[in-house]
Amino acid sequence: MNGAGGGVGTFAVQMAKSFGFEVTGVDSAEKLDMLRSIGTDHVIDYRQEDFTSNEQCYDLIIDVVGNRSIFDCRRALSPRGIYVMVGGSTARLSQAMLLGLWSSITGRKKVFILLHKANKDLEFIIKLFEAGKAIPVIDRCYPLSEVPDAFRYFGEGSVKGKIVISVKQQDNSGQIES
C-alpha cells in the first residue's frame, strides 16, 4: 500500500489485515513504527527503496498518494494483480482511467480508480471498530480556533493517521462539552 501511514492508508491497512492479507506498507521512515504497530507485515521507506522496482510482485497495490508511475506500479503487479488508485492529481487519475481500459483489453492485470459512495458498507466498518480490529490512528488534535495550524501541519505531509479538530460547545446548562 503506497501511502499507508496517512489517514486513508491506516484504515486500509487494518481492513486488509482483518481479511487476513499480508500487507506491505510504503511511507516515510518516520511512519514505519506506527505502521508495524497496526499490523503491517512489511514496511518500506519510500525515500530508501522504490517498491515498484524491488523485484517483489504484489497481488494488489492500493495507491493513496499517486506519486509513482502507473506503468511502474503495473510492472510490480503479479500476473493477475490489481492496481487501485485512491488519490492523486487529475492528470494521474486520467492516466489511470486510460491505462485501466487498455489493461482490461490487452491483459489480465487490472487498473481501477476508487470512487467514493457515501456510507456504502458503513456497517462493515462499524463492526471492525466494535470488534477492535480497527482503531483510529490520531496524530494530533487541534481546537477549532487553530484550524489554519492544522492545515499547515497537514500540508507538511508528515501526518500519521488523522488530524482531529475539536469543537467545544456550551449546552443549555452552561456546561462546556467537547
C-alpha atoms as a PDB file:
ATOM      1  CA  MET A   1       0.000   0.000   0.000  1.00  0.00           C
ATOM      2  CA  ASN A   2       1.575   3.231  -1.157  1.00  0.00           C
ATOM      3  CA  GLY A   3       0.871   5.987   1.390  1.00  0.00           C
ATOM      4  CA  ALA A   4      -0.011   3.515   4.134  1.00  0.00           C
ATOM      5  CA  GLY A   5       0.752   5.871   7.026  1.00  0.00           C
ATOM      6  CA  GLY A   6      -1.816   8.564   6.305  1.00  0.00           C
ATOM      7  CA  GLY A   7      -5.469   8.833   7.242  1.00  0.00           C
ATOM      8  CA  VAL A   8      -6.829   6.615   4.461  1.00  0.00           C
ATOM      9  CA  GLY A   9      -3.848   4.264   4.492  1.00  0.00           C
ATOM     10  CA  THR A  10      -4.037   3.396   8.192  1.00  0.00           C
ATOM     11  CA  PHE A  11      -7.665   2.327   7.823  1.00  0.00           C
ATOM     12  CA  ALA A  12      -6.961   0.415   4.607  1.00  0.00           C
ATOM     13  CA  VAL A  13      -4.087  -1.476   6.280  1.00  0.00           C
ATOM     14  CA  GLN A  14      -6.336  -2.525   9.152  1.00  0.00           C
ATOM     15  CA  MET A  15      -9.170  -3.540   6.829  1.00  0.00           C
ATOM     16  CA  ALA A  16      -6.778  -5.651   4.714  1.00  0.00           C
ATOM     17  CA  LYS A  17      -5.402  -7.320   7.853  1.00  0.00           C
ATOM     18  CA  SER A  18      -8.970  -8.085   9.025  1.00  0.00           C
ATOM     19  CA  PHE A  19      -9.363 -10.120   5.816  1.00  0.00           C
ATOM     20  CA  GLY A  20      -6.096 -11.949   6.524  1.00  0.00           C
ATOM     21  CA  PHE A  21      -3.984 -10.290   3.824  1.00  0.00           C
ATOM     22  CA  GLU A  22      -0.234  -9.922   4.077  1.00  0.00           C
ATOM     23  CA  VAL A  23       0.369  -6.169   3.891  1.00  0.00           C
ATOM     24  CA  THR A  24       3.398  -4.177   2.788  1.00  0.00           C
ATOM     25  CA  GLY A  25       3.185  -0.528   3.822  1.00  0.00           C
ATOM     26  CA  VAL A  26       5.091   2.137   1.904  1.00  0.00           C
ATOM     27  CA  ASP A  27       5.648   5.526   3.531  1.00  0.00           C
ATOM     28  CA  SER A  28       8.322   7.708   5.132  1.00  0.00           C
ATOM     29  CA  ALA A  29      10.716   6.304   7.742  1.00  0.00           C
ATOM     30  CA  GLU A  30       9.014   8.357  10.471  1.00  0.00           C
ATOM     31  CA  LYS A  31       5.782   6.389   9.996  1.00  0.00           C
ATOM     32  CA  LEU A  32       7.159   2.840   9.793  1.00  0.00           C
ATOM     33  CA  ASP A  33       6.983   2.017  13.530  1.00  0.00           C
ATOM     34  CA  MET A  34       3.378   3.201  13.631  1.00  0.00           C
ATOM     35  CA  LEU A  35       2.621   1.006  10.589  1.00  0.00           C
ATOM     36  CA  ARG A  36       4.116  -2.005  12.347  1.00  0.00           C
ATOM     37  CA  SER A  37       2.004  -1.231  15.426  1.00  0.00           C
ATOM     38  CA  ILE A  38      -1.241  -1.502  13.410  1.00  0.00           C
ATOM     39  CA  GLY A  39      -0.261  -4.847  11.894  1.00  0.00           C
ATOM     40  CA  THR A  40       1.640  -4.106   8.697  1.00  0.00           C
ATOM     41  CA  ASP A  41       3.754  -7.184   7.857  1.00  0.00           C
ATOM     42  CA  HIS A  42       6.455  -5.417   5.812  1.00  0.00           C
ATOM     43  CA  VAL A  43       7.401  -1.760   5.637  1.00  0.00           C
ATOM     44  CA  ILE A  44       9.291   0.206   3.001  1.00  0.00           C
ATOM     45  CA  ASP A  45      10.711   3.697   3.403  1.00  0.00           C
ATOM     46  CA  TYR A  46       9.944   5.207   0.011  1.00  0.00           C
ATOM     47  CA  ARG A  47      12.963   7.509   0.338  1.00  0.00           C
ATOM     48  CA  GLN A  48      15.276   4.477   0.508  1.00  0.00           C
ATOM     49  CA  GLU A  49      13.567   1.973  -1.782  1.00  0.00           C
ATOM     50  CA  ASP A  50      11.202   2.112  -4.744  1.00  0.00           C
ATOM     51  CA  PHE A  51       8.594  -0.584  -4.125  1.00  0.00           C
ATOM     52  CA  THR A  52       7.917  -0.782  -7.870  1.00  0.00           C
ATOM     53  CA  SER A  53      11.468  -1.878  -8.678  1.00  0.00           C
ATOM     54  CA  ASN A  54      12.435  -4.189  -5.803  1.00  0.00           C
ATOM     55  CA  GLU A  55      11.666  -7.439  -7.684  1.00  0.00           C
ATOM     56  CA  GLN A  56       8.620  -8.052  -5.456  1.00  0.00           C
ATOM     57  CA  CYS A  57       5.300  -8.768  -7.201  1.00  0.00           C
ATOM     58  CA  TYR A  58       2.108  -7.703  -5.498  1.00  0.00           C
ATOM     59  CA  ASP A  59      -1.397  -9.118  -5.947  1.00  0.00           C
ATOM     60  CA  LEU A  60      -2.929  -5.771  -5.051  1.00  0.00           C
ATOM     61  CA  ILE A  61      -1.452  -2.280  -4.956  1.00  0.00           C
ATOM     62  CA  ILE A  62      -3.537   0.402  -3.285  1.00  0.00           C
ATOM     63  CA  ASP A  63      -2.081   3.789  -4.158  1.00  0.00           C
ATOM     64  CA  VAL A  64      -3.280   6.528  -1.842  1.00  0.00           C
ATOM     65  CA  VAL A  65      -0.788   9.195  -2.952  1.00  0.00           C
ATOM     66  CA  GLY A  66      -0.338   8.587  -6.682  1.00  0.00           C
ATOM     67  CA  ASN A  67       3.341   9.574  -6.663  1.00  0.00           C
ATOM     68  CA  ARG A  68       4.687   6.612  -8.661  1.00  0.00           C
ATOM     69  CA  SER A  69       4.262   5.965 -12.364  1.00  0.00           C
ATOM     70  CA  ILE A  70       1.203   3.858 -13.057  1.00  0.00           C
ATOM     71  CA  PHE A  71       3.308   1.908 -15.547  1.00  0.00           C
ATOM     72  CA  ASP A  72       5.868   1.146 -12.818  1.00  0.00           C
ATOM     73  CA  CYS A  73       3.099   0.039 -10.467  1.00  0.00           C
ATOM     74  CA  ARG A  74       1.624  -2.160 -13.187  1.00  0.00           C
ATOM     75  CA  ARG A  75       5.005  -3.865 -13.710  1.00  0.00           C
ATOM     76  CA  ALA A  76       5.152  -4.585  -9.946  1.00  0.00           C
ATOM     77  CA  LEU A  77       1.855  -6.489 -10.089  1.00  0.00           C
ATOM     78  CA  SER A  78       1.613 -10.270 -10.173  1.00  0.00           C
ATOM     79  CA  PRO A  79       0.144 -11.674 -13.427  1.00  0.00           C
ATOM     80  CA  ARG A  80      -3.434 -11.304 -12.176  1.00  0.00           C
ATOM     81  CA  GLY A  81      -2.687  -8.331  -9.952  1.00  0.00           C
ATOM     82  CA  ILE A  82      -4.895  -5.313  -9.398  1.00  0.00           C
ATOM     83  CA  TYR A  83      -3.834  -1.657  -9.056  1.00  0.00           C
ATOM     84  CA  VAL A  84      -6.305   0.649  -7.278  1.00  0.00           C
ATOM     85  CA  MET A  85      -5.720   4.390  -7.309  1.00  0.00           C
ATOM     86  CA  VAL A  86      -7.359   6.172  -4.391  1.00  0.00           C
ATOM     87  CA  GLY A  87      -5.648   9.563  -4.601  1.00  0.00           C
ATOM     88  CA  GLY A  88      -3.592  11.652  -6.956  1.00  0.00           C
ATOM     89  CA  SER A  89      -3.729  14.551  -9.364  1.00  0.00           C
ATOM     90  CA  THR A  90      -6.305  14.921 -12.122  1.00  0.00           C
ATOM     91  CA  ALA A  91      -3.622  14.064 -14.687  1.00  0.00           C
ATOM     92  CA  ARG A  92      -2.770  10.859 -12.790  1.00  0.00           C
ATOM     93  CA  LEU A  93      -6.435   9.914 -12.497  1.00  0.00           C
ATOM     94  CA  SER A  94      -6.888  10.447 -16.244  1.00  0.00           C
ATOM     95  CA  GLN A  95      -3.824   8.311 -16.926  1.00  0.00           C
ATOM     96  CA  ALA A  96      -5.228   5.572 -14.675  1.00  0.00           C
ATOM     97  CA  MET A  97      -8.565   5.620 -16.499  1.00  0.00           C
ATOM     98  CA  LEU A  98      -6.866   5.221 -19.888  1.00  0.00           C
ATOM     99  CA  LEU A  99      -4.437   2.589 -18.641  1.00  0.00           C
ATOM    100  CA  GLY A 100      -7.288   0.753 -16.921  1.00  0.00           C
ATOM    101  CA  LEU A 101      -9.194   0.494 -20.172  1.00  0.00           C
ATOM    102  CA  TRP A 102      -6.066  -0.552 -22.081  1.00  0.00           C
ATOM    103  CA  SER A 103      -5.118  -3.154 -19.417  1.00  0.00           C
ATOM    104  CA  SER A 104      -8.593  -4.665 -19.440  1.00  0.00           C
ATOM    105  CA  ILE A 105      -8.419  -5.124 -23.198  1.00  0.00           C
ATOM    106  CA  THR A 106      -4.823  -6.350 -23.518  1.00  0.00           C
ATOM    107  CA  GLY A 107      -4.063  -8.382 -20.394  1.00  0.00           C
ATOM    108  CA  ARG A 108      -5.002  -9.837 -17.061  1.00  0.00           C
ATOM    109  CA  LYS A 109      -3.673  -7.044 -14.852  1.00  0.00           C
ATOM    110  CA  LYS A 110      -6.340  -4.541 -13.875  1.00  0.00           C
ATOM    111  CA  VAL A 111      -6.221  -0.843 -13.028  1.00  0.00           C
ATOM    112  CA  PHE A 112      -9.067   0.773 -11.083  1.00  0.00           C
ATOM    113  CA  ILE A 113      -9.871   4.189  -9.688  1.00  0.00           C
ATOM    114  CA  LEU A 114     -11.713   4.072  -6.385  1.00  0.00           C
ATOM    115  CA  LEU A 115     -14.748   6.320  -6.405  1.00  0.00           C
ATOM    116  CA  HIS A 116     -16.389   7.107  -3.099  1.00  0.00           C
ATOM    117  CA  LYS A 117     -20.022   6.256  -2.442  1.00  0.00           C
ATOM    118  CA  ALA A 118     -21.126   7.830   0.817  1.00  0.00           C
ATOM    119  CA  ASN A 119     -21.906   5.417   3.659  1.00  0.00           C
ATOM    120  CA  LYS A 120     -21.539   2.299   1.492  1.00  0.00           C
ATOM    121  CA  ASP A 121     -20.512  -0.626   3.702  1.00  0.00           C
ATOM    122  CA  LEU A 122     -20.601   1.559   6.810  1.00  0.00           C
ATOM    123  CA  GLU A 123     -21.976  -1.356   8.869  1.00  0.00           C
ATOM    124  CA  PHE A 124     -18.906  -3.445   7.993  1.00  0.00           C
ATOM    125  CA  ILE A 125     -16.581  -0.662   9.150  1.00  0.00           C
ATOM    126  CA  ILE A 126     -18.555  -0.197  12.380  1.00  0.00           C
ATOM    127  CA  LYS A 127     -18.215  -3.926  13.100  1.00  0.00           C
ATOM    128  CA  LEU A 128     -14.437  -3.724  12.603  1.00  0.00           C
ATOM    129  CA  PHE A 129     -14.254  -0.945  15.207  1.00  0.00           C
ATOM    130  CA  GLU A 130     -16.561  -2.740  17.630  1.00  0.00           C
ATOM    131  CA  ALA A 131     -14.502  -5.932  17.353  1.00  0.00           C
ATOM    132  CA  GLY A 132     -11.277  -3.988  17.972  1.00  0.00           C
ATOM    133  CA  LYS A 133      -9.938  -4.963  14.532  1.00  0.00           C
ATOM    134  CA  ALA A 134      -9.557  -1.321  13.544  1.00  0.00           C
ATOM    135  CA  ILE A 135      -8.534   1.648  15.655  1.00  0.00           C
ATOM    136  CA  PRO A 136      -8.238   5.238  14.533  1.00  0.00           C
ATOM    137  CA  VAL A 137      -4.674   6.494  14.384  1.00  0.00           C
ATOM    138  CA  ILE A 138      -4.753  10.093  15.610  1.00  0.00           C
ATOM    139  CA  ASP A 139      -1.636  12.162  15.141  1.00  0.00           C
ATOM    140  CA  ARG A 140      -2.744  15.484  16.655  1.00  0.00           C
ATOM    141  CA  CYS A 141      -5.813  17.274  17.948  1.00  0.00           C
ATOM    142  CA  TYR A 142      -6.439  20.960  17.326  1.00  0.00           C
ATOM    143  CA  PRO A 143      -9.176  23.224  18.664  1.00  0.00           C
ATOM    144  CA  LEU A 144     -11.394  24.840  16.020  1.00  0.00           C
ATOM    145  CA  SER A 145      -9.588  28.144  16.523  1.00  0.00           C
ATOM    146  CA  GLU A 146      -6.333  26.544  15.282  1.00  0.00           C
ATOM    147  CA  VAL A 147      -7.615  25.076  12.012  1.00  0.00           C
ATOM    148  CA  PRO A 148      -5.086  27.100   9.979  1.00  0.00           C
ATOM    149  CA  ASP A 149      -2.258  25.494  12.001  1.00  0.00           C
ATOM    150  CA  ALA A 150      -3.804  22.061  11.424  1.00  0.00           C
ATOM    151  CA  PHE A 151      -3.849  22.681   7.662  1.00  0.00           C
ATOM    152  CA  ARG A 152      -0.234  23.853   7.741  1.00  0.00           C
ATOM    153  CA  TYR A 153       0.767  20.680   9.564  1.00  0.00           C
ATOM    154  CA  PHE A 154      -1.237  18.560   7.131  1.00  0.00           C
ATOM    155  CA  GLY A 155       0.492  20.335   4.243  1.00  0.00           C
ATOM    156  CA  GLU A 156       3.905  19.243   5.544  1.00  0.00           C
ATOM    157  CA  GLY A 157       2.984  15.670   4.575  1.00  0.00           C
ATOM    158  CA  SER A 158       4.129  14.050   7.804  1.00  0.00           C
ATOM    159  CA  VAL A 159       0.748  13.305   9.407  1.00  0.00           C
ATOM    160  CA  LYS A 160       0.482   9.820  10.905  1.00  0.00           C
ATOM    161  CA  GLY A 161      -3.141   8.818  10.528  1.00  0.00           C
ATOM    162  CA  LYS A 162      -5.713  11.536  11.152  1.00  0.00           C
ATOM    163  CA  ILE A 163      -5.828  15.080  12.484  1.00  0.00           C
ATOM    164  CA  VAL A 164      -8.790  15.807  14.747  1.00  0.00           C
ATOM    165  CA  ILE A 165     -10.439  19.210  15.069  1.00  0.00           C
ATOM    166  CA  SER A 166     -12.379  19.593  18.304  1.00  0.00           C
ATOM    167  CA  VAL A 167     -15.321  21.898  18.678  1.00  0.00           C
ATOM    168  CA  LYS A 168     -16.320  22.942  22.168  1.00  0.00           C
ATOM    169  CA  GLN A 169     -19.925  23.960  22.655  1.00  0.00           C
ATOM    170  CA  GLN A 170     -21.958  25.164  25.589  1.00  0.00           C
ATOM    171  CA  ASP A 171     -25.081  23.172  26.419  1.00  0.00           C
ATOM    172  CA  ASN A 172     -28.271  24.712  27.880  1.00  0.00           C
ATOM    173  CA  SER A 173     -26.981  24.454  31.464  1.00  0.00           C
ATOM    174  CA  GLY A 174     -23.834  26.432  30.653  1.00  0.00           C
ATOM    175  CA  GLN A 175     -21.581  23.345  30.758  1.00  0.00           C
ATOM    176  CA  ILE A 176     -18.889  23.111  28.125  1.00  0.00           C
ATOM    177  CA  GLU A 177     -18.848  19.838  26.224  1.00  0.00           C
ATOM    178  CA  SER A 178     -16.463  18.592  23.569  1.00  0.00           C
END
